[in-house]
Amino acid sequence: MTRRDQELLNKQLKWQNPSPRNNGLLILALVGVFLAGIALGGSRTAHENKAASVSSKIAVASSVR
């Protein structure tokens, strides 16, 4: 690679420098998504447990008759 080639390459790549990431914001977003997943999973599990409890009570009530 000649000096001229290197200068042209540097000129082309000068505009493609990635902007610095905001790591704090990225971590905050990941923690938020994680906590939202825990909340949704917990509410789903509670709903399924409630449905199972109701269906077991129905089964017990129908077997008693």
PDB file of N, CA and C in Angstrom:
ATOM      1  N   MET A   1       0.851  -1.158   0.000  1.00  0.00           N
ATOM      2  CA  MET A   1       0.000   0.000   0.000  1.00  0.00           C
ATOM      3  C   MET A   1       0.904   1.231   0.000  1.00  0.00           C
ATOM      4  N   THR A   2       0.648   2.076  -0.934  1.00  0.00           N
ATOM      5  CA  THR A   2       1.468   3.285  -1.049  1.00  0.00           C
ATOM      6  C   THR A   2       0.965   4.358  -0.090  1.00  0.00           C
ATOM      7  N   ARG A   3       1.755   5.405   0.013  1.00  0.00           N
ATOM      8  CA  ARG A   3       1.373   6.504   0.904  1.00  0.00           C
ATOM      9  C   ARG A   3       0.081   7.159   0.423  1.00  0.00           C
ATOM     10  N   ARG A   4      -0.059   7.272  -0.875  1.00  0.00           N
ATOM     11  CA  ARG A   4      -1.276   7.861  -1.466  1.00  0.00           C
ATOM     12  C   ARG A   4      -2.492   6.990  -1.136  1.00  0.00           C
ATOM     13  N   ASP A   5      -2.347   5.680  -1.244  1.00  0.00           N
ATOM     14  CA  ASP A   5      -3.438   4.771  -0.910  1.00  0.00           C
ATOM     15  C   ASP A   5      -3.828   4.909   0.563  1.00  0.00           C
ATOM     16  N   GLN A   6      -2.815   5.009   1.416  1.00  0.00           N
ATOM     17  CA  GLN A   6      -3.077   5.154   2.849  1.00  0.00           C
ATOM     18  C   GLN A   6      -3.811   6.460   3.146  1.00  0.00           C
ATOM     19  N   GLU A   7      -3.429   7.529   2.480  1.00  0.00           N
ATOM     20  CA  GLU A   7      -4.104   8.814   2.677  1.00  0.00           C
ATOM     21  C   GLU A   7      -5.558   8.748   2.228  1.00  0.00           C
ATOM     22  N   LEU A   8      -5.800   8.113   1.088  1.00  0.00           N
ATOM     23  CA  LEU A   8      -7.172   7.976   0.599  1.00  0.00           C
ATOM     24  C   LEU A   8      -8.014   7.108   1.542  1.00  0.00           C
ATOM     25  N   LEU A   9      -7.417   6.046   2.026  1.00  0.00           N
ATOM     26  CA  LEU A   9      -8.133   5.174   2.955  1.00  0.00           C
ATOM     27  C   LEU A   9      -8.465   5.912   4.245  1.00  0.00           C
ATOM     28  N   ASN A  10      -7.502   6.664   4.767  1.00  0.00           N
ATOM     29  CA  ASN A  10      -7.753   7.443   5.980  1.00  0.00           C
ATOM     30  C   ASN A  10      -8.842   8.480   5.756  1.00  0.00           C
ATOM     31  N   LYS A  11      -8.856   9.093   4.580  1.00  0.00           N
ATOM     32  CA  LYS A  11      -9.868  10.084   4.251  1.00  0.00           C
ATOM     33  C   LYS A  11     -11.257   9.442   4.194  1.00  0.00           C
ATOM     34  N   GLN A  12     -11.353   8.235   3.649  1.00  0.00           N
ATOM     35  CA  GLN A  12     -12.638   7.538   3.554  1.00  0.00           C
ATOM     36  C   GLN A  12     -13.114   7.068   4.929  1.00  0.00           C
ATOM     37  N   LEU A  13     -12.201   6.573   5.737  1.00  0.00           N
ATOM     38  CA  LEU A  13     -12.581   6.021   7.030  1.00  0.00           C
ATOM     39  C   LEU A  13     -12.791   7.085   8.099  1.00  0.00           C
ATOM     40  N   LYS A  14     -12.382   8.309   7.822  1.00  0.00           N
ATOM     41  CA  LYS A  14     -12.518   9.384   8.794  1.00  0.00           C
ATOM     42  C   LYS A  14     -13.986   9.591   9.160  1.00  0.00           C
ATOM     43  N   TRP A  15     -14.897   9.396   8.238  1.00  0.00           N
ATOM     44  CA  TRP A  15     -16.321   9.622   8.469  1.00  0.00           C
ATOM     45  C   TRP A  15     -17.022   8.406   9.068  1.00  0.00           C
ATOM     46  N   GLN A  16     -16.318   7.293   9.189  1.00  0.00           N
ATOM     47  CA  GLN A  16     -16.969   6.087   9.672  1.00  0.00           C
ATOM     48  C   GLN A  16     -16.585   5.727  11.097  1.00  0.00           C
ATOM     49  N   ASN A  17     -16.029   6.662  11.826  1.00  0.00           N
ATOM     50  CA  ASN A  17     -15.701   6.393  13.223  1.00  0.00           C
ATOM     51  C   ASN A  17     -17.003   6.237  14.001  1.00  0.00           C
ATOM     52  N   PRO A  18     -17.160   5.143  14.703  1.00  0.00           N
ATOM     53  CA  PRO A  18     -18.407   4.968  15.455  1.00  0.00           C
ATOM     54  C   PRO A  18     -18.481   5.953  16.615  1.00  0.00           C
ATOM     55  N   SER A  19     -19.678   6.443  16.859  1.00  0.00           N
ATOM     56  CA  SER A  19     -19.841   7.364  17.979  1.00  0.00           C
ATOM     57  C   SER A  19     -19.722   6.576  19.281  1.00  0.00           C
ATOM     58  N   PRO A  20     -19.219   7.199  20.301  1.00  0.00           N
ATOM     59  CA  PRO A  20     -19.054   6.474  21.577  1.00  0.00           C
ATOM     60  C   PRO A  20     -20.418   6.087  22.146  1.00  0.00           C
ATOM     61  N   ARG A  21     -20.485   4.874  22.671  1.00  0.00           N
ATOM     62  CA  ARG A  21     -21.737   4.394  23.255  1.00  0.00           C
ATOM     63  C   ARG A  21     -21.890   4.948  24.652  1.00  0.00           C
ATOM     64  N   ASN A  22     -23.116   5.113  25.022  1.00  0.00           N
ATOM     65  CA  ASN A  22     -23.420   5.515  26.389  1.00  0.00           C
ATOM     66  C   ASN A  22     -23.704   4.238  27.167  1.00  0.00           C
ATOM     67  N   ASN A  23     -22.675   3.686  27.814  1.00  0.00           N
ATOM     68  CA  ASN A  23     -22.799   2.406  28.496  1.00  0.00           C
ATOM     69  C   ASN A  23     -23.802   2.448  29.638  1.00  0.00           C
ATOM     70  N   GLY A  24     -23.905   3.562  30.310  1.00  0.00           N
ATOM     71  CA  GLY A  24     -24.856   3.687  31.407  1.00  0.00           C
ATOM     72  C   GLY A  24     -26.287   3.522  30.921  1.00  0.00           C
ATOM     73  N   LEU A  25     -26.585   4.134  29.787  1.00  0.00           N
ATOM     74  CA  LEU A  25     -27.929   4.028  29.223  1.00  0.00           C
ATOM     75  C   LEU A  25     -28.219   2.612  28.749  1.00  0.00           C
ATOM     76  N   LEU A  26     -27.230   1.960  28.177  1.00  0.00           N
ATOM     77  CA  LEU A  26     -27.390   0.582  27.722  1.00  0.00           C
ATOM     78  C   LEU A  26     -27.651  -0.348  28.906  1.00  0.00           C
ATOM     79  N   ILE A  27     -26.902  -0.186  29.974  1.00  0.00           N
ATOM     80  CA  ILE A  27     -27.098  -1.018  31.168  1.00  0.00           C
ATOM     81  C   ILE A  27     -28.474  -0.761  31.773  1.00  0.00           C
ATOM     82  N   LEU A  28     -28.884   0.501  31.817  1.00  0.00           N
ATOM     83  CA  LEU A  28     -30.191   0.847  32.358  1.00  0.00           C
ATOM     84  C   LEU A  28     -31.314   0.208  31.534  1.00  0.00           C
ATOM     85  N   ALA A  29     -31.178   0.222  30.217  1.00  0.00           N
ATOM     86  CA  ALA A  29     -32.184  -0.395  29.356  1.00  0.00           C
ATOM     87  C   ALA A  29     -32.235  -1.905  29.569  1.00  0.00           C
ATOM     88  N   LEU A  30     -31.096  -2.548  29.689  1.00  0.00           N
ATOM     89  CA  LEU A  30     -31.065  -3.998  29.917  1.00  0.00           C
ATOM     90  C   LEU A  30     -31.688  -4.367  31.256  1.00  0.00           C
ATOM     91  N   VAL A  31     -31.386  -3.604  32.289  1.00  0.00           N
ATOM     92  CA  VAL A  31     -31.975  -3.864  33.608  1.00  0.00           C
ATOM     93  C   VAL A  31     -33.491  -3.671  33.555  1.00  0.00           C
ATOM     94  N   GLY A  32     -33.948  -2.649  32.841  1.00  0.00           N
ATOM     95  CA  GLY A  32     -35.383  -2.405  32.703  1.00  0.00           C
ATOM     96  C   GLY A  32     -36.094  -3.545  32.004  1.00  0.00           C
ATOM     97  N   VAL A  33     -35.500  -4.047  30.933  1.00  0.00           N
ATOM     98  CA  VAL A  33     -36.095  -5.176  30.207  1.00  0.00           C
ATOM     99  C   VAL A  33     -36.097  -6.421  31.088  1.00  0.00           C
ATOM    100  N   PHE A  34     -35.033  -6.633  31.824  1.00  0.00           N
ATOM    101  CA  PHE A  34     -34.952  -7.789  32.722  1.00  0.00           C
ATOM    102  C   PHE A  34     -36.040  -7.732  33.795  1.00  0.00           C
ATOM    103  N   LEU A  35     -36.198  -6.570  34.423  1.00  0.00           N
ATOM    104  CA  LEU A  35     -37.208  -6.430  35.472  1.00  0.00           C
ATOM    105  C   LEU A  35     -38.624  -6.547  34.908  1.00  0.00           C
ATOM    106  N   ALA A  36     -38.838  -6.028  33.709  1.00  0.00           N
ATOM    107  CA  ALA A  36     -40.155  -6.172  33.082  1.00  0.00           C
ATOM    108  C   ALA A  36     -40.447  -7.643  32.796  1.00  0.00           C
ATOM    109  N   GLY A  37     -39.456  -8.397  32.390  1.00  0.00           N
ATOM    110  CA  GLY A  37     -39.637  -9.826  32.150  1.00  0.00           C
ATOM    111  C   GLY A  37     -39.959 -10.574  33.424  1.00  0.00           C
ATOM    112  N   ILE A  38     -39.291 -10.204  34.507  1.00  0.00           N
ATOM    113  CA  ILE A  38     -39.585 -10.846  35.792  1.00  0.00           C
ATOM    114  C   ILE A  38     -41.018 -10.527  36.228  1.00  0.00           C
ATOM    115  N   ALA A  39     -41.430  -9.275  36.059  1.00  0.00           N
ATOM    116  CA  ALA A  39     -42.784  -8.877  36.467  1.00  0.00           C
ATOM    117  C   ALA A  39     -43.834  -9.600  35.636  1.00  0.00           C
ATOM    118  N   LEU A  40     -43.633  -9.656  34.322  1.00  0.00           N
ATOM    119  CA  LEU A  40     -44.602 -10.343  33.463  1.00  0.00           C
ATOM    120  C   LEU A  40     -44.618 -11.837  33.740  1.00  0.00           C
ATOM    121  N   GLY A  41     -43.469 -12.419  33.959  1.00  0.00           N
ATOM    122  CA  GLY A  41     -43.403 -13.848  34.268  1.00  0.00           C
ATOM    123  C   GLY A  41     -44.049 -14.166  35.598  1.00  0.00           C
ATOM    124  N   GLY A  42     -43.860 -13.299  36.580  1.00  0.00           N
ATOM    125  CA  GLY A  42     -44.468 -13.502  37.882  1.00  0.00           C
ATOM    126  C   GLY A  42     -45.978 -13.393  37.830  1.00  0.00           C
ATOM    127  N   SER A  43     -46.481 -12.430  37.073  1.00  0.00           N
ATOM    128  CA  SER A  43     -47.939 -12.291  36.974  1.00  0.00           C
ATOM    129  C   SER A  43     -48.540 -13.454  36.186  1.00  0.00           C
ATOM    130  N   ARG A  44     -47.824 -13.933  35.203  1.00  0.00           N
ATOM    131  CA  ARG A  44     -48.318 -15.074  34.427  1.00  0.00           C
ATOM    132  C   ARG A  44     -48.359 -16.332  35.293  1.00  0.00           C
ATOM    133  N   THR A  45     -47.325 -16.541  36.088  1.00  0.00           N
ATOM    134  CA  THR A  45     -47.273 -17.702  36.973  1.00  0.00           C
ATOM    135  C   THR A  45     -48.384 -17.619  38.015  1.00  0.00           C
ATOM    136  N   ALA A  46     -48.618 -16.429  38.561  1.00  0.00           N
ATOM    137  CA  ALA A  46     -49.679 -16.261  39.555  1.00  0.00           C
ATOM    138  C   ALA A  46     -51.034 -16.552  38.929  1.00  0.00           C
ATOM    139  N   HIS A  47     -51.230 -16.121  37.697  1.00  0.00           N
ATOM    140  CA  HIS A  47     -52.498 -16.364  37.001  1.00  0.00           C
ATOM    141  C   HIS A  47     -52.685 -17.858  36.748  1.00  0.00           C
ATOM    142  N   GLU A  48     -51.620 -18.546  36.349  1.00  0.00           N
ATOM    143  CA  GLU A  48     -51.712 -19.985  36.090  1.00  0.00           C
ATOM    144  C   GLU A  48     -51.975 -20.753  37.385  1.00  0.00           C
ATOM    145  N   ASN A  49     -51.339 -20.336  38.480  1.00  0.00           N
ATOM    146  CA  ASN A  49     -51.573 -20.993  39.772  1.00  0.00           C
ATOM    147  C   ASN A  49     -53.015 -20.793  40.224  1.00  0.00           C
ATOM    148  N   LYS A  50     -53.557 -19.611  39.985  1.00  0.00           N
ATOM    149  CA  LYS A  50     -54.940 -19.321  40.362  1.00  0.00           C
ATOM    150  C   LYS A  50     -55.891 -20.180  39.543  1.00  0.00           C
ATOM    151  N   ALA A  51     -55.613 -20.313  38.246  1.00  0.00           N
ATOM    152  CA  ALA A  51     -56.460 -21.133  37.383  1.00  0.00           C
ATOM    153  C   ALA A  51     -56.382 -22.597  37.797  1.00  0.00           C
ATOM    154  N   ALA A  52     -55.219 -23.068  38.159  1.00  0.00           N
ATOM    155  CA  ALA A  52     -55.058 -24.455  38.591  1.00  0.00           C
ATOM    156  C   ALA A  52     -55.793 -24.687  39.902  1.00  0.00           C
ATOM    157  N   SER A  53     -55.770 -23.708  40.794  1.00  0.00           N
ATOM    158  CA  SER A  53     -56.460 -23.818  42.073  1.00  0.00           C
ATOM    159  C   SER A  53     -57.964 -23.880  41.864  1.00  0.00           C
ATOM    160  N   VAL A  54     -58.465 -23.058  40.975  1.00  0.00           N
ATOM    161  CA  VAL A  54     -59.898 -23.051  40.688  1.00  0.00           C
ATOM    162  C   VAL A  54     -60.313 -24.366  40.055  1.00  0.00           C
ATOM    163  N   SER A  55     -59.525 -24.863  39.098  1.00  0.00           N
ATOM    164  CA  SER A  55     -59.891 -26.119  38.437  1.00  0.00           C
ATOM    165  C   SER A  55     -59.807 -27.297  39.405  1.00  0.00           C
ATOM    166  N   SER A  56     -58.878 -27.248  40.357  1.00  0.00           N
ATOM    167  CA  SER A  56     -58.811 -28.342  41.332  1.00  0.00           C
ATOM    168  C   SER A  56     -60.003 -28.285  42.285  1.00  0.00           C
ATOM    169  N   LYS A  57     -60.447 -27.087  42.636  1.00  0.00           N
ATOM    170  CA  LYS A  57     -61.626 -26.950  43.496  1.00  0.00           C
ATOM    171  C   LYS A  57     -62.877 -27.446  42.768  1.00  0.00           C
ATOM    172  N   ILE A  58     -62.950 -27.183  41.484  1.00  0.00           N
ATOM    173  CA  ILE A  58     -64.087 -27.666  40.678  1.00  0.00           C
ATOM    174  C   ILE A  58     -64.067 -29.186  40.630  1.00  0.00           C
ATOM    175  N   ALA A  59     -62.894 -29.766  40.466  1.00  0.00           N
ATOM    176  CA  ALA A  59     -62.777 -31.225  40.399  1.00  0.00           C
ATOM    177  C   ALA A  59     -63.162 -31.844  41.723  1.00  0.00           C
ATOM    178  N   VAL A  60     -62.755 -31.251  42.818  1.00  0.00           N
ATOM    179  CA  VAL A  60     -63.100 -31.771  44.147  1.00  0.00           C
ATOM    180  C   VAL A  60     -64.603 -31.642  44.371  1.00  0.00           C
ATOM    181  N   ALA A  61     -65.183 -30.515  43.995  1.00  0.00           N
ATOM    182  CA  ALA A  61     -66.612 -30.291  44.201  1.00  0.00           C
ATOM    183  C   ALA A  61     -67.436 -31.267  43.363  1.00  0.00           C
ATOM    184  N   SER A  62     -66.985 -31.558  42.137  1.00  0.00           N
ATOM    185  CA  SER A  62     -67.752 -32.463  41.293  1.00  0.00           C
ATOM    186  C   SER A  62     -67.598 -33.913  41.765  1.00  0.00           C
ATOM    187  N   SER A  63     -66.499 -34.246  42.405  1.00  0.00           N
ATOM    188  CA  SER A  63     -66.327 -35.618  42.899  1.00  0.00           C
ATOM    189  C   SER A  63     -67.074 -35.869  44.196  1.00  0.00           C
ATOM    190  N   VAL A  64     -67.369 -34.812  44.922  1.00  0.00           N
ATOM    191  CA  VAL A  64     -68.089 -34.933  46.180  1.00  0.00           C
ATOM    192  C   VAL A  64     -69.561 -35.226  45.922  1.00  0.00           C
ATOM    193  N   ARG A  65     -70.111 -34.720  44.863  1.00  0.00           N
ATOM    194  CA  ARG A  65     -71.539 -34.907  44.560  1.00  0.00           C
ATOM    195  C   ARG A  65     -71.862 -36.290  44.240  1.00  0.00           C
TER     196      ARG A  65
END
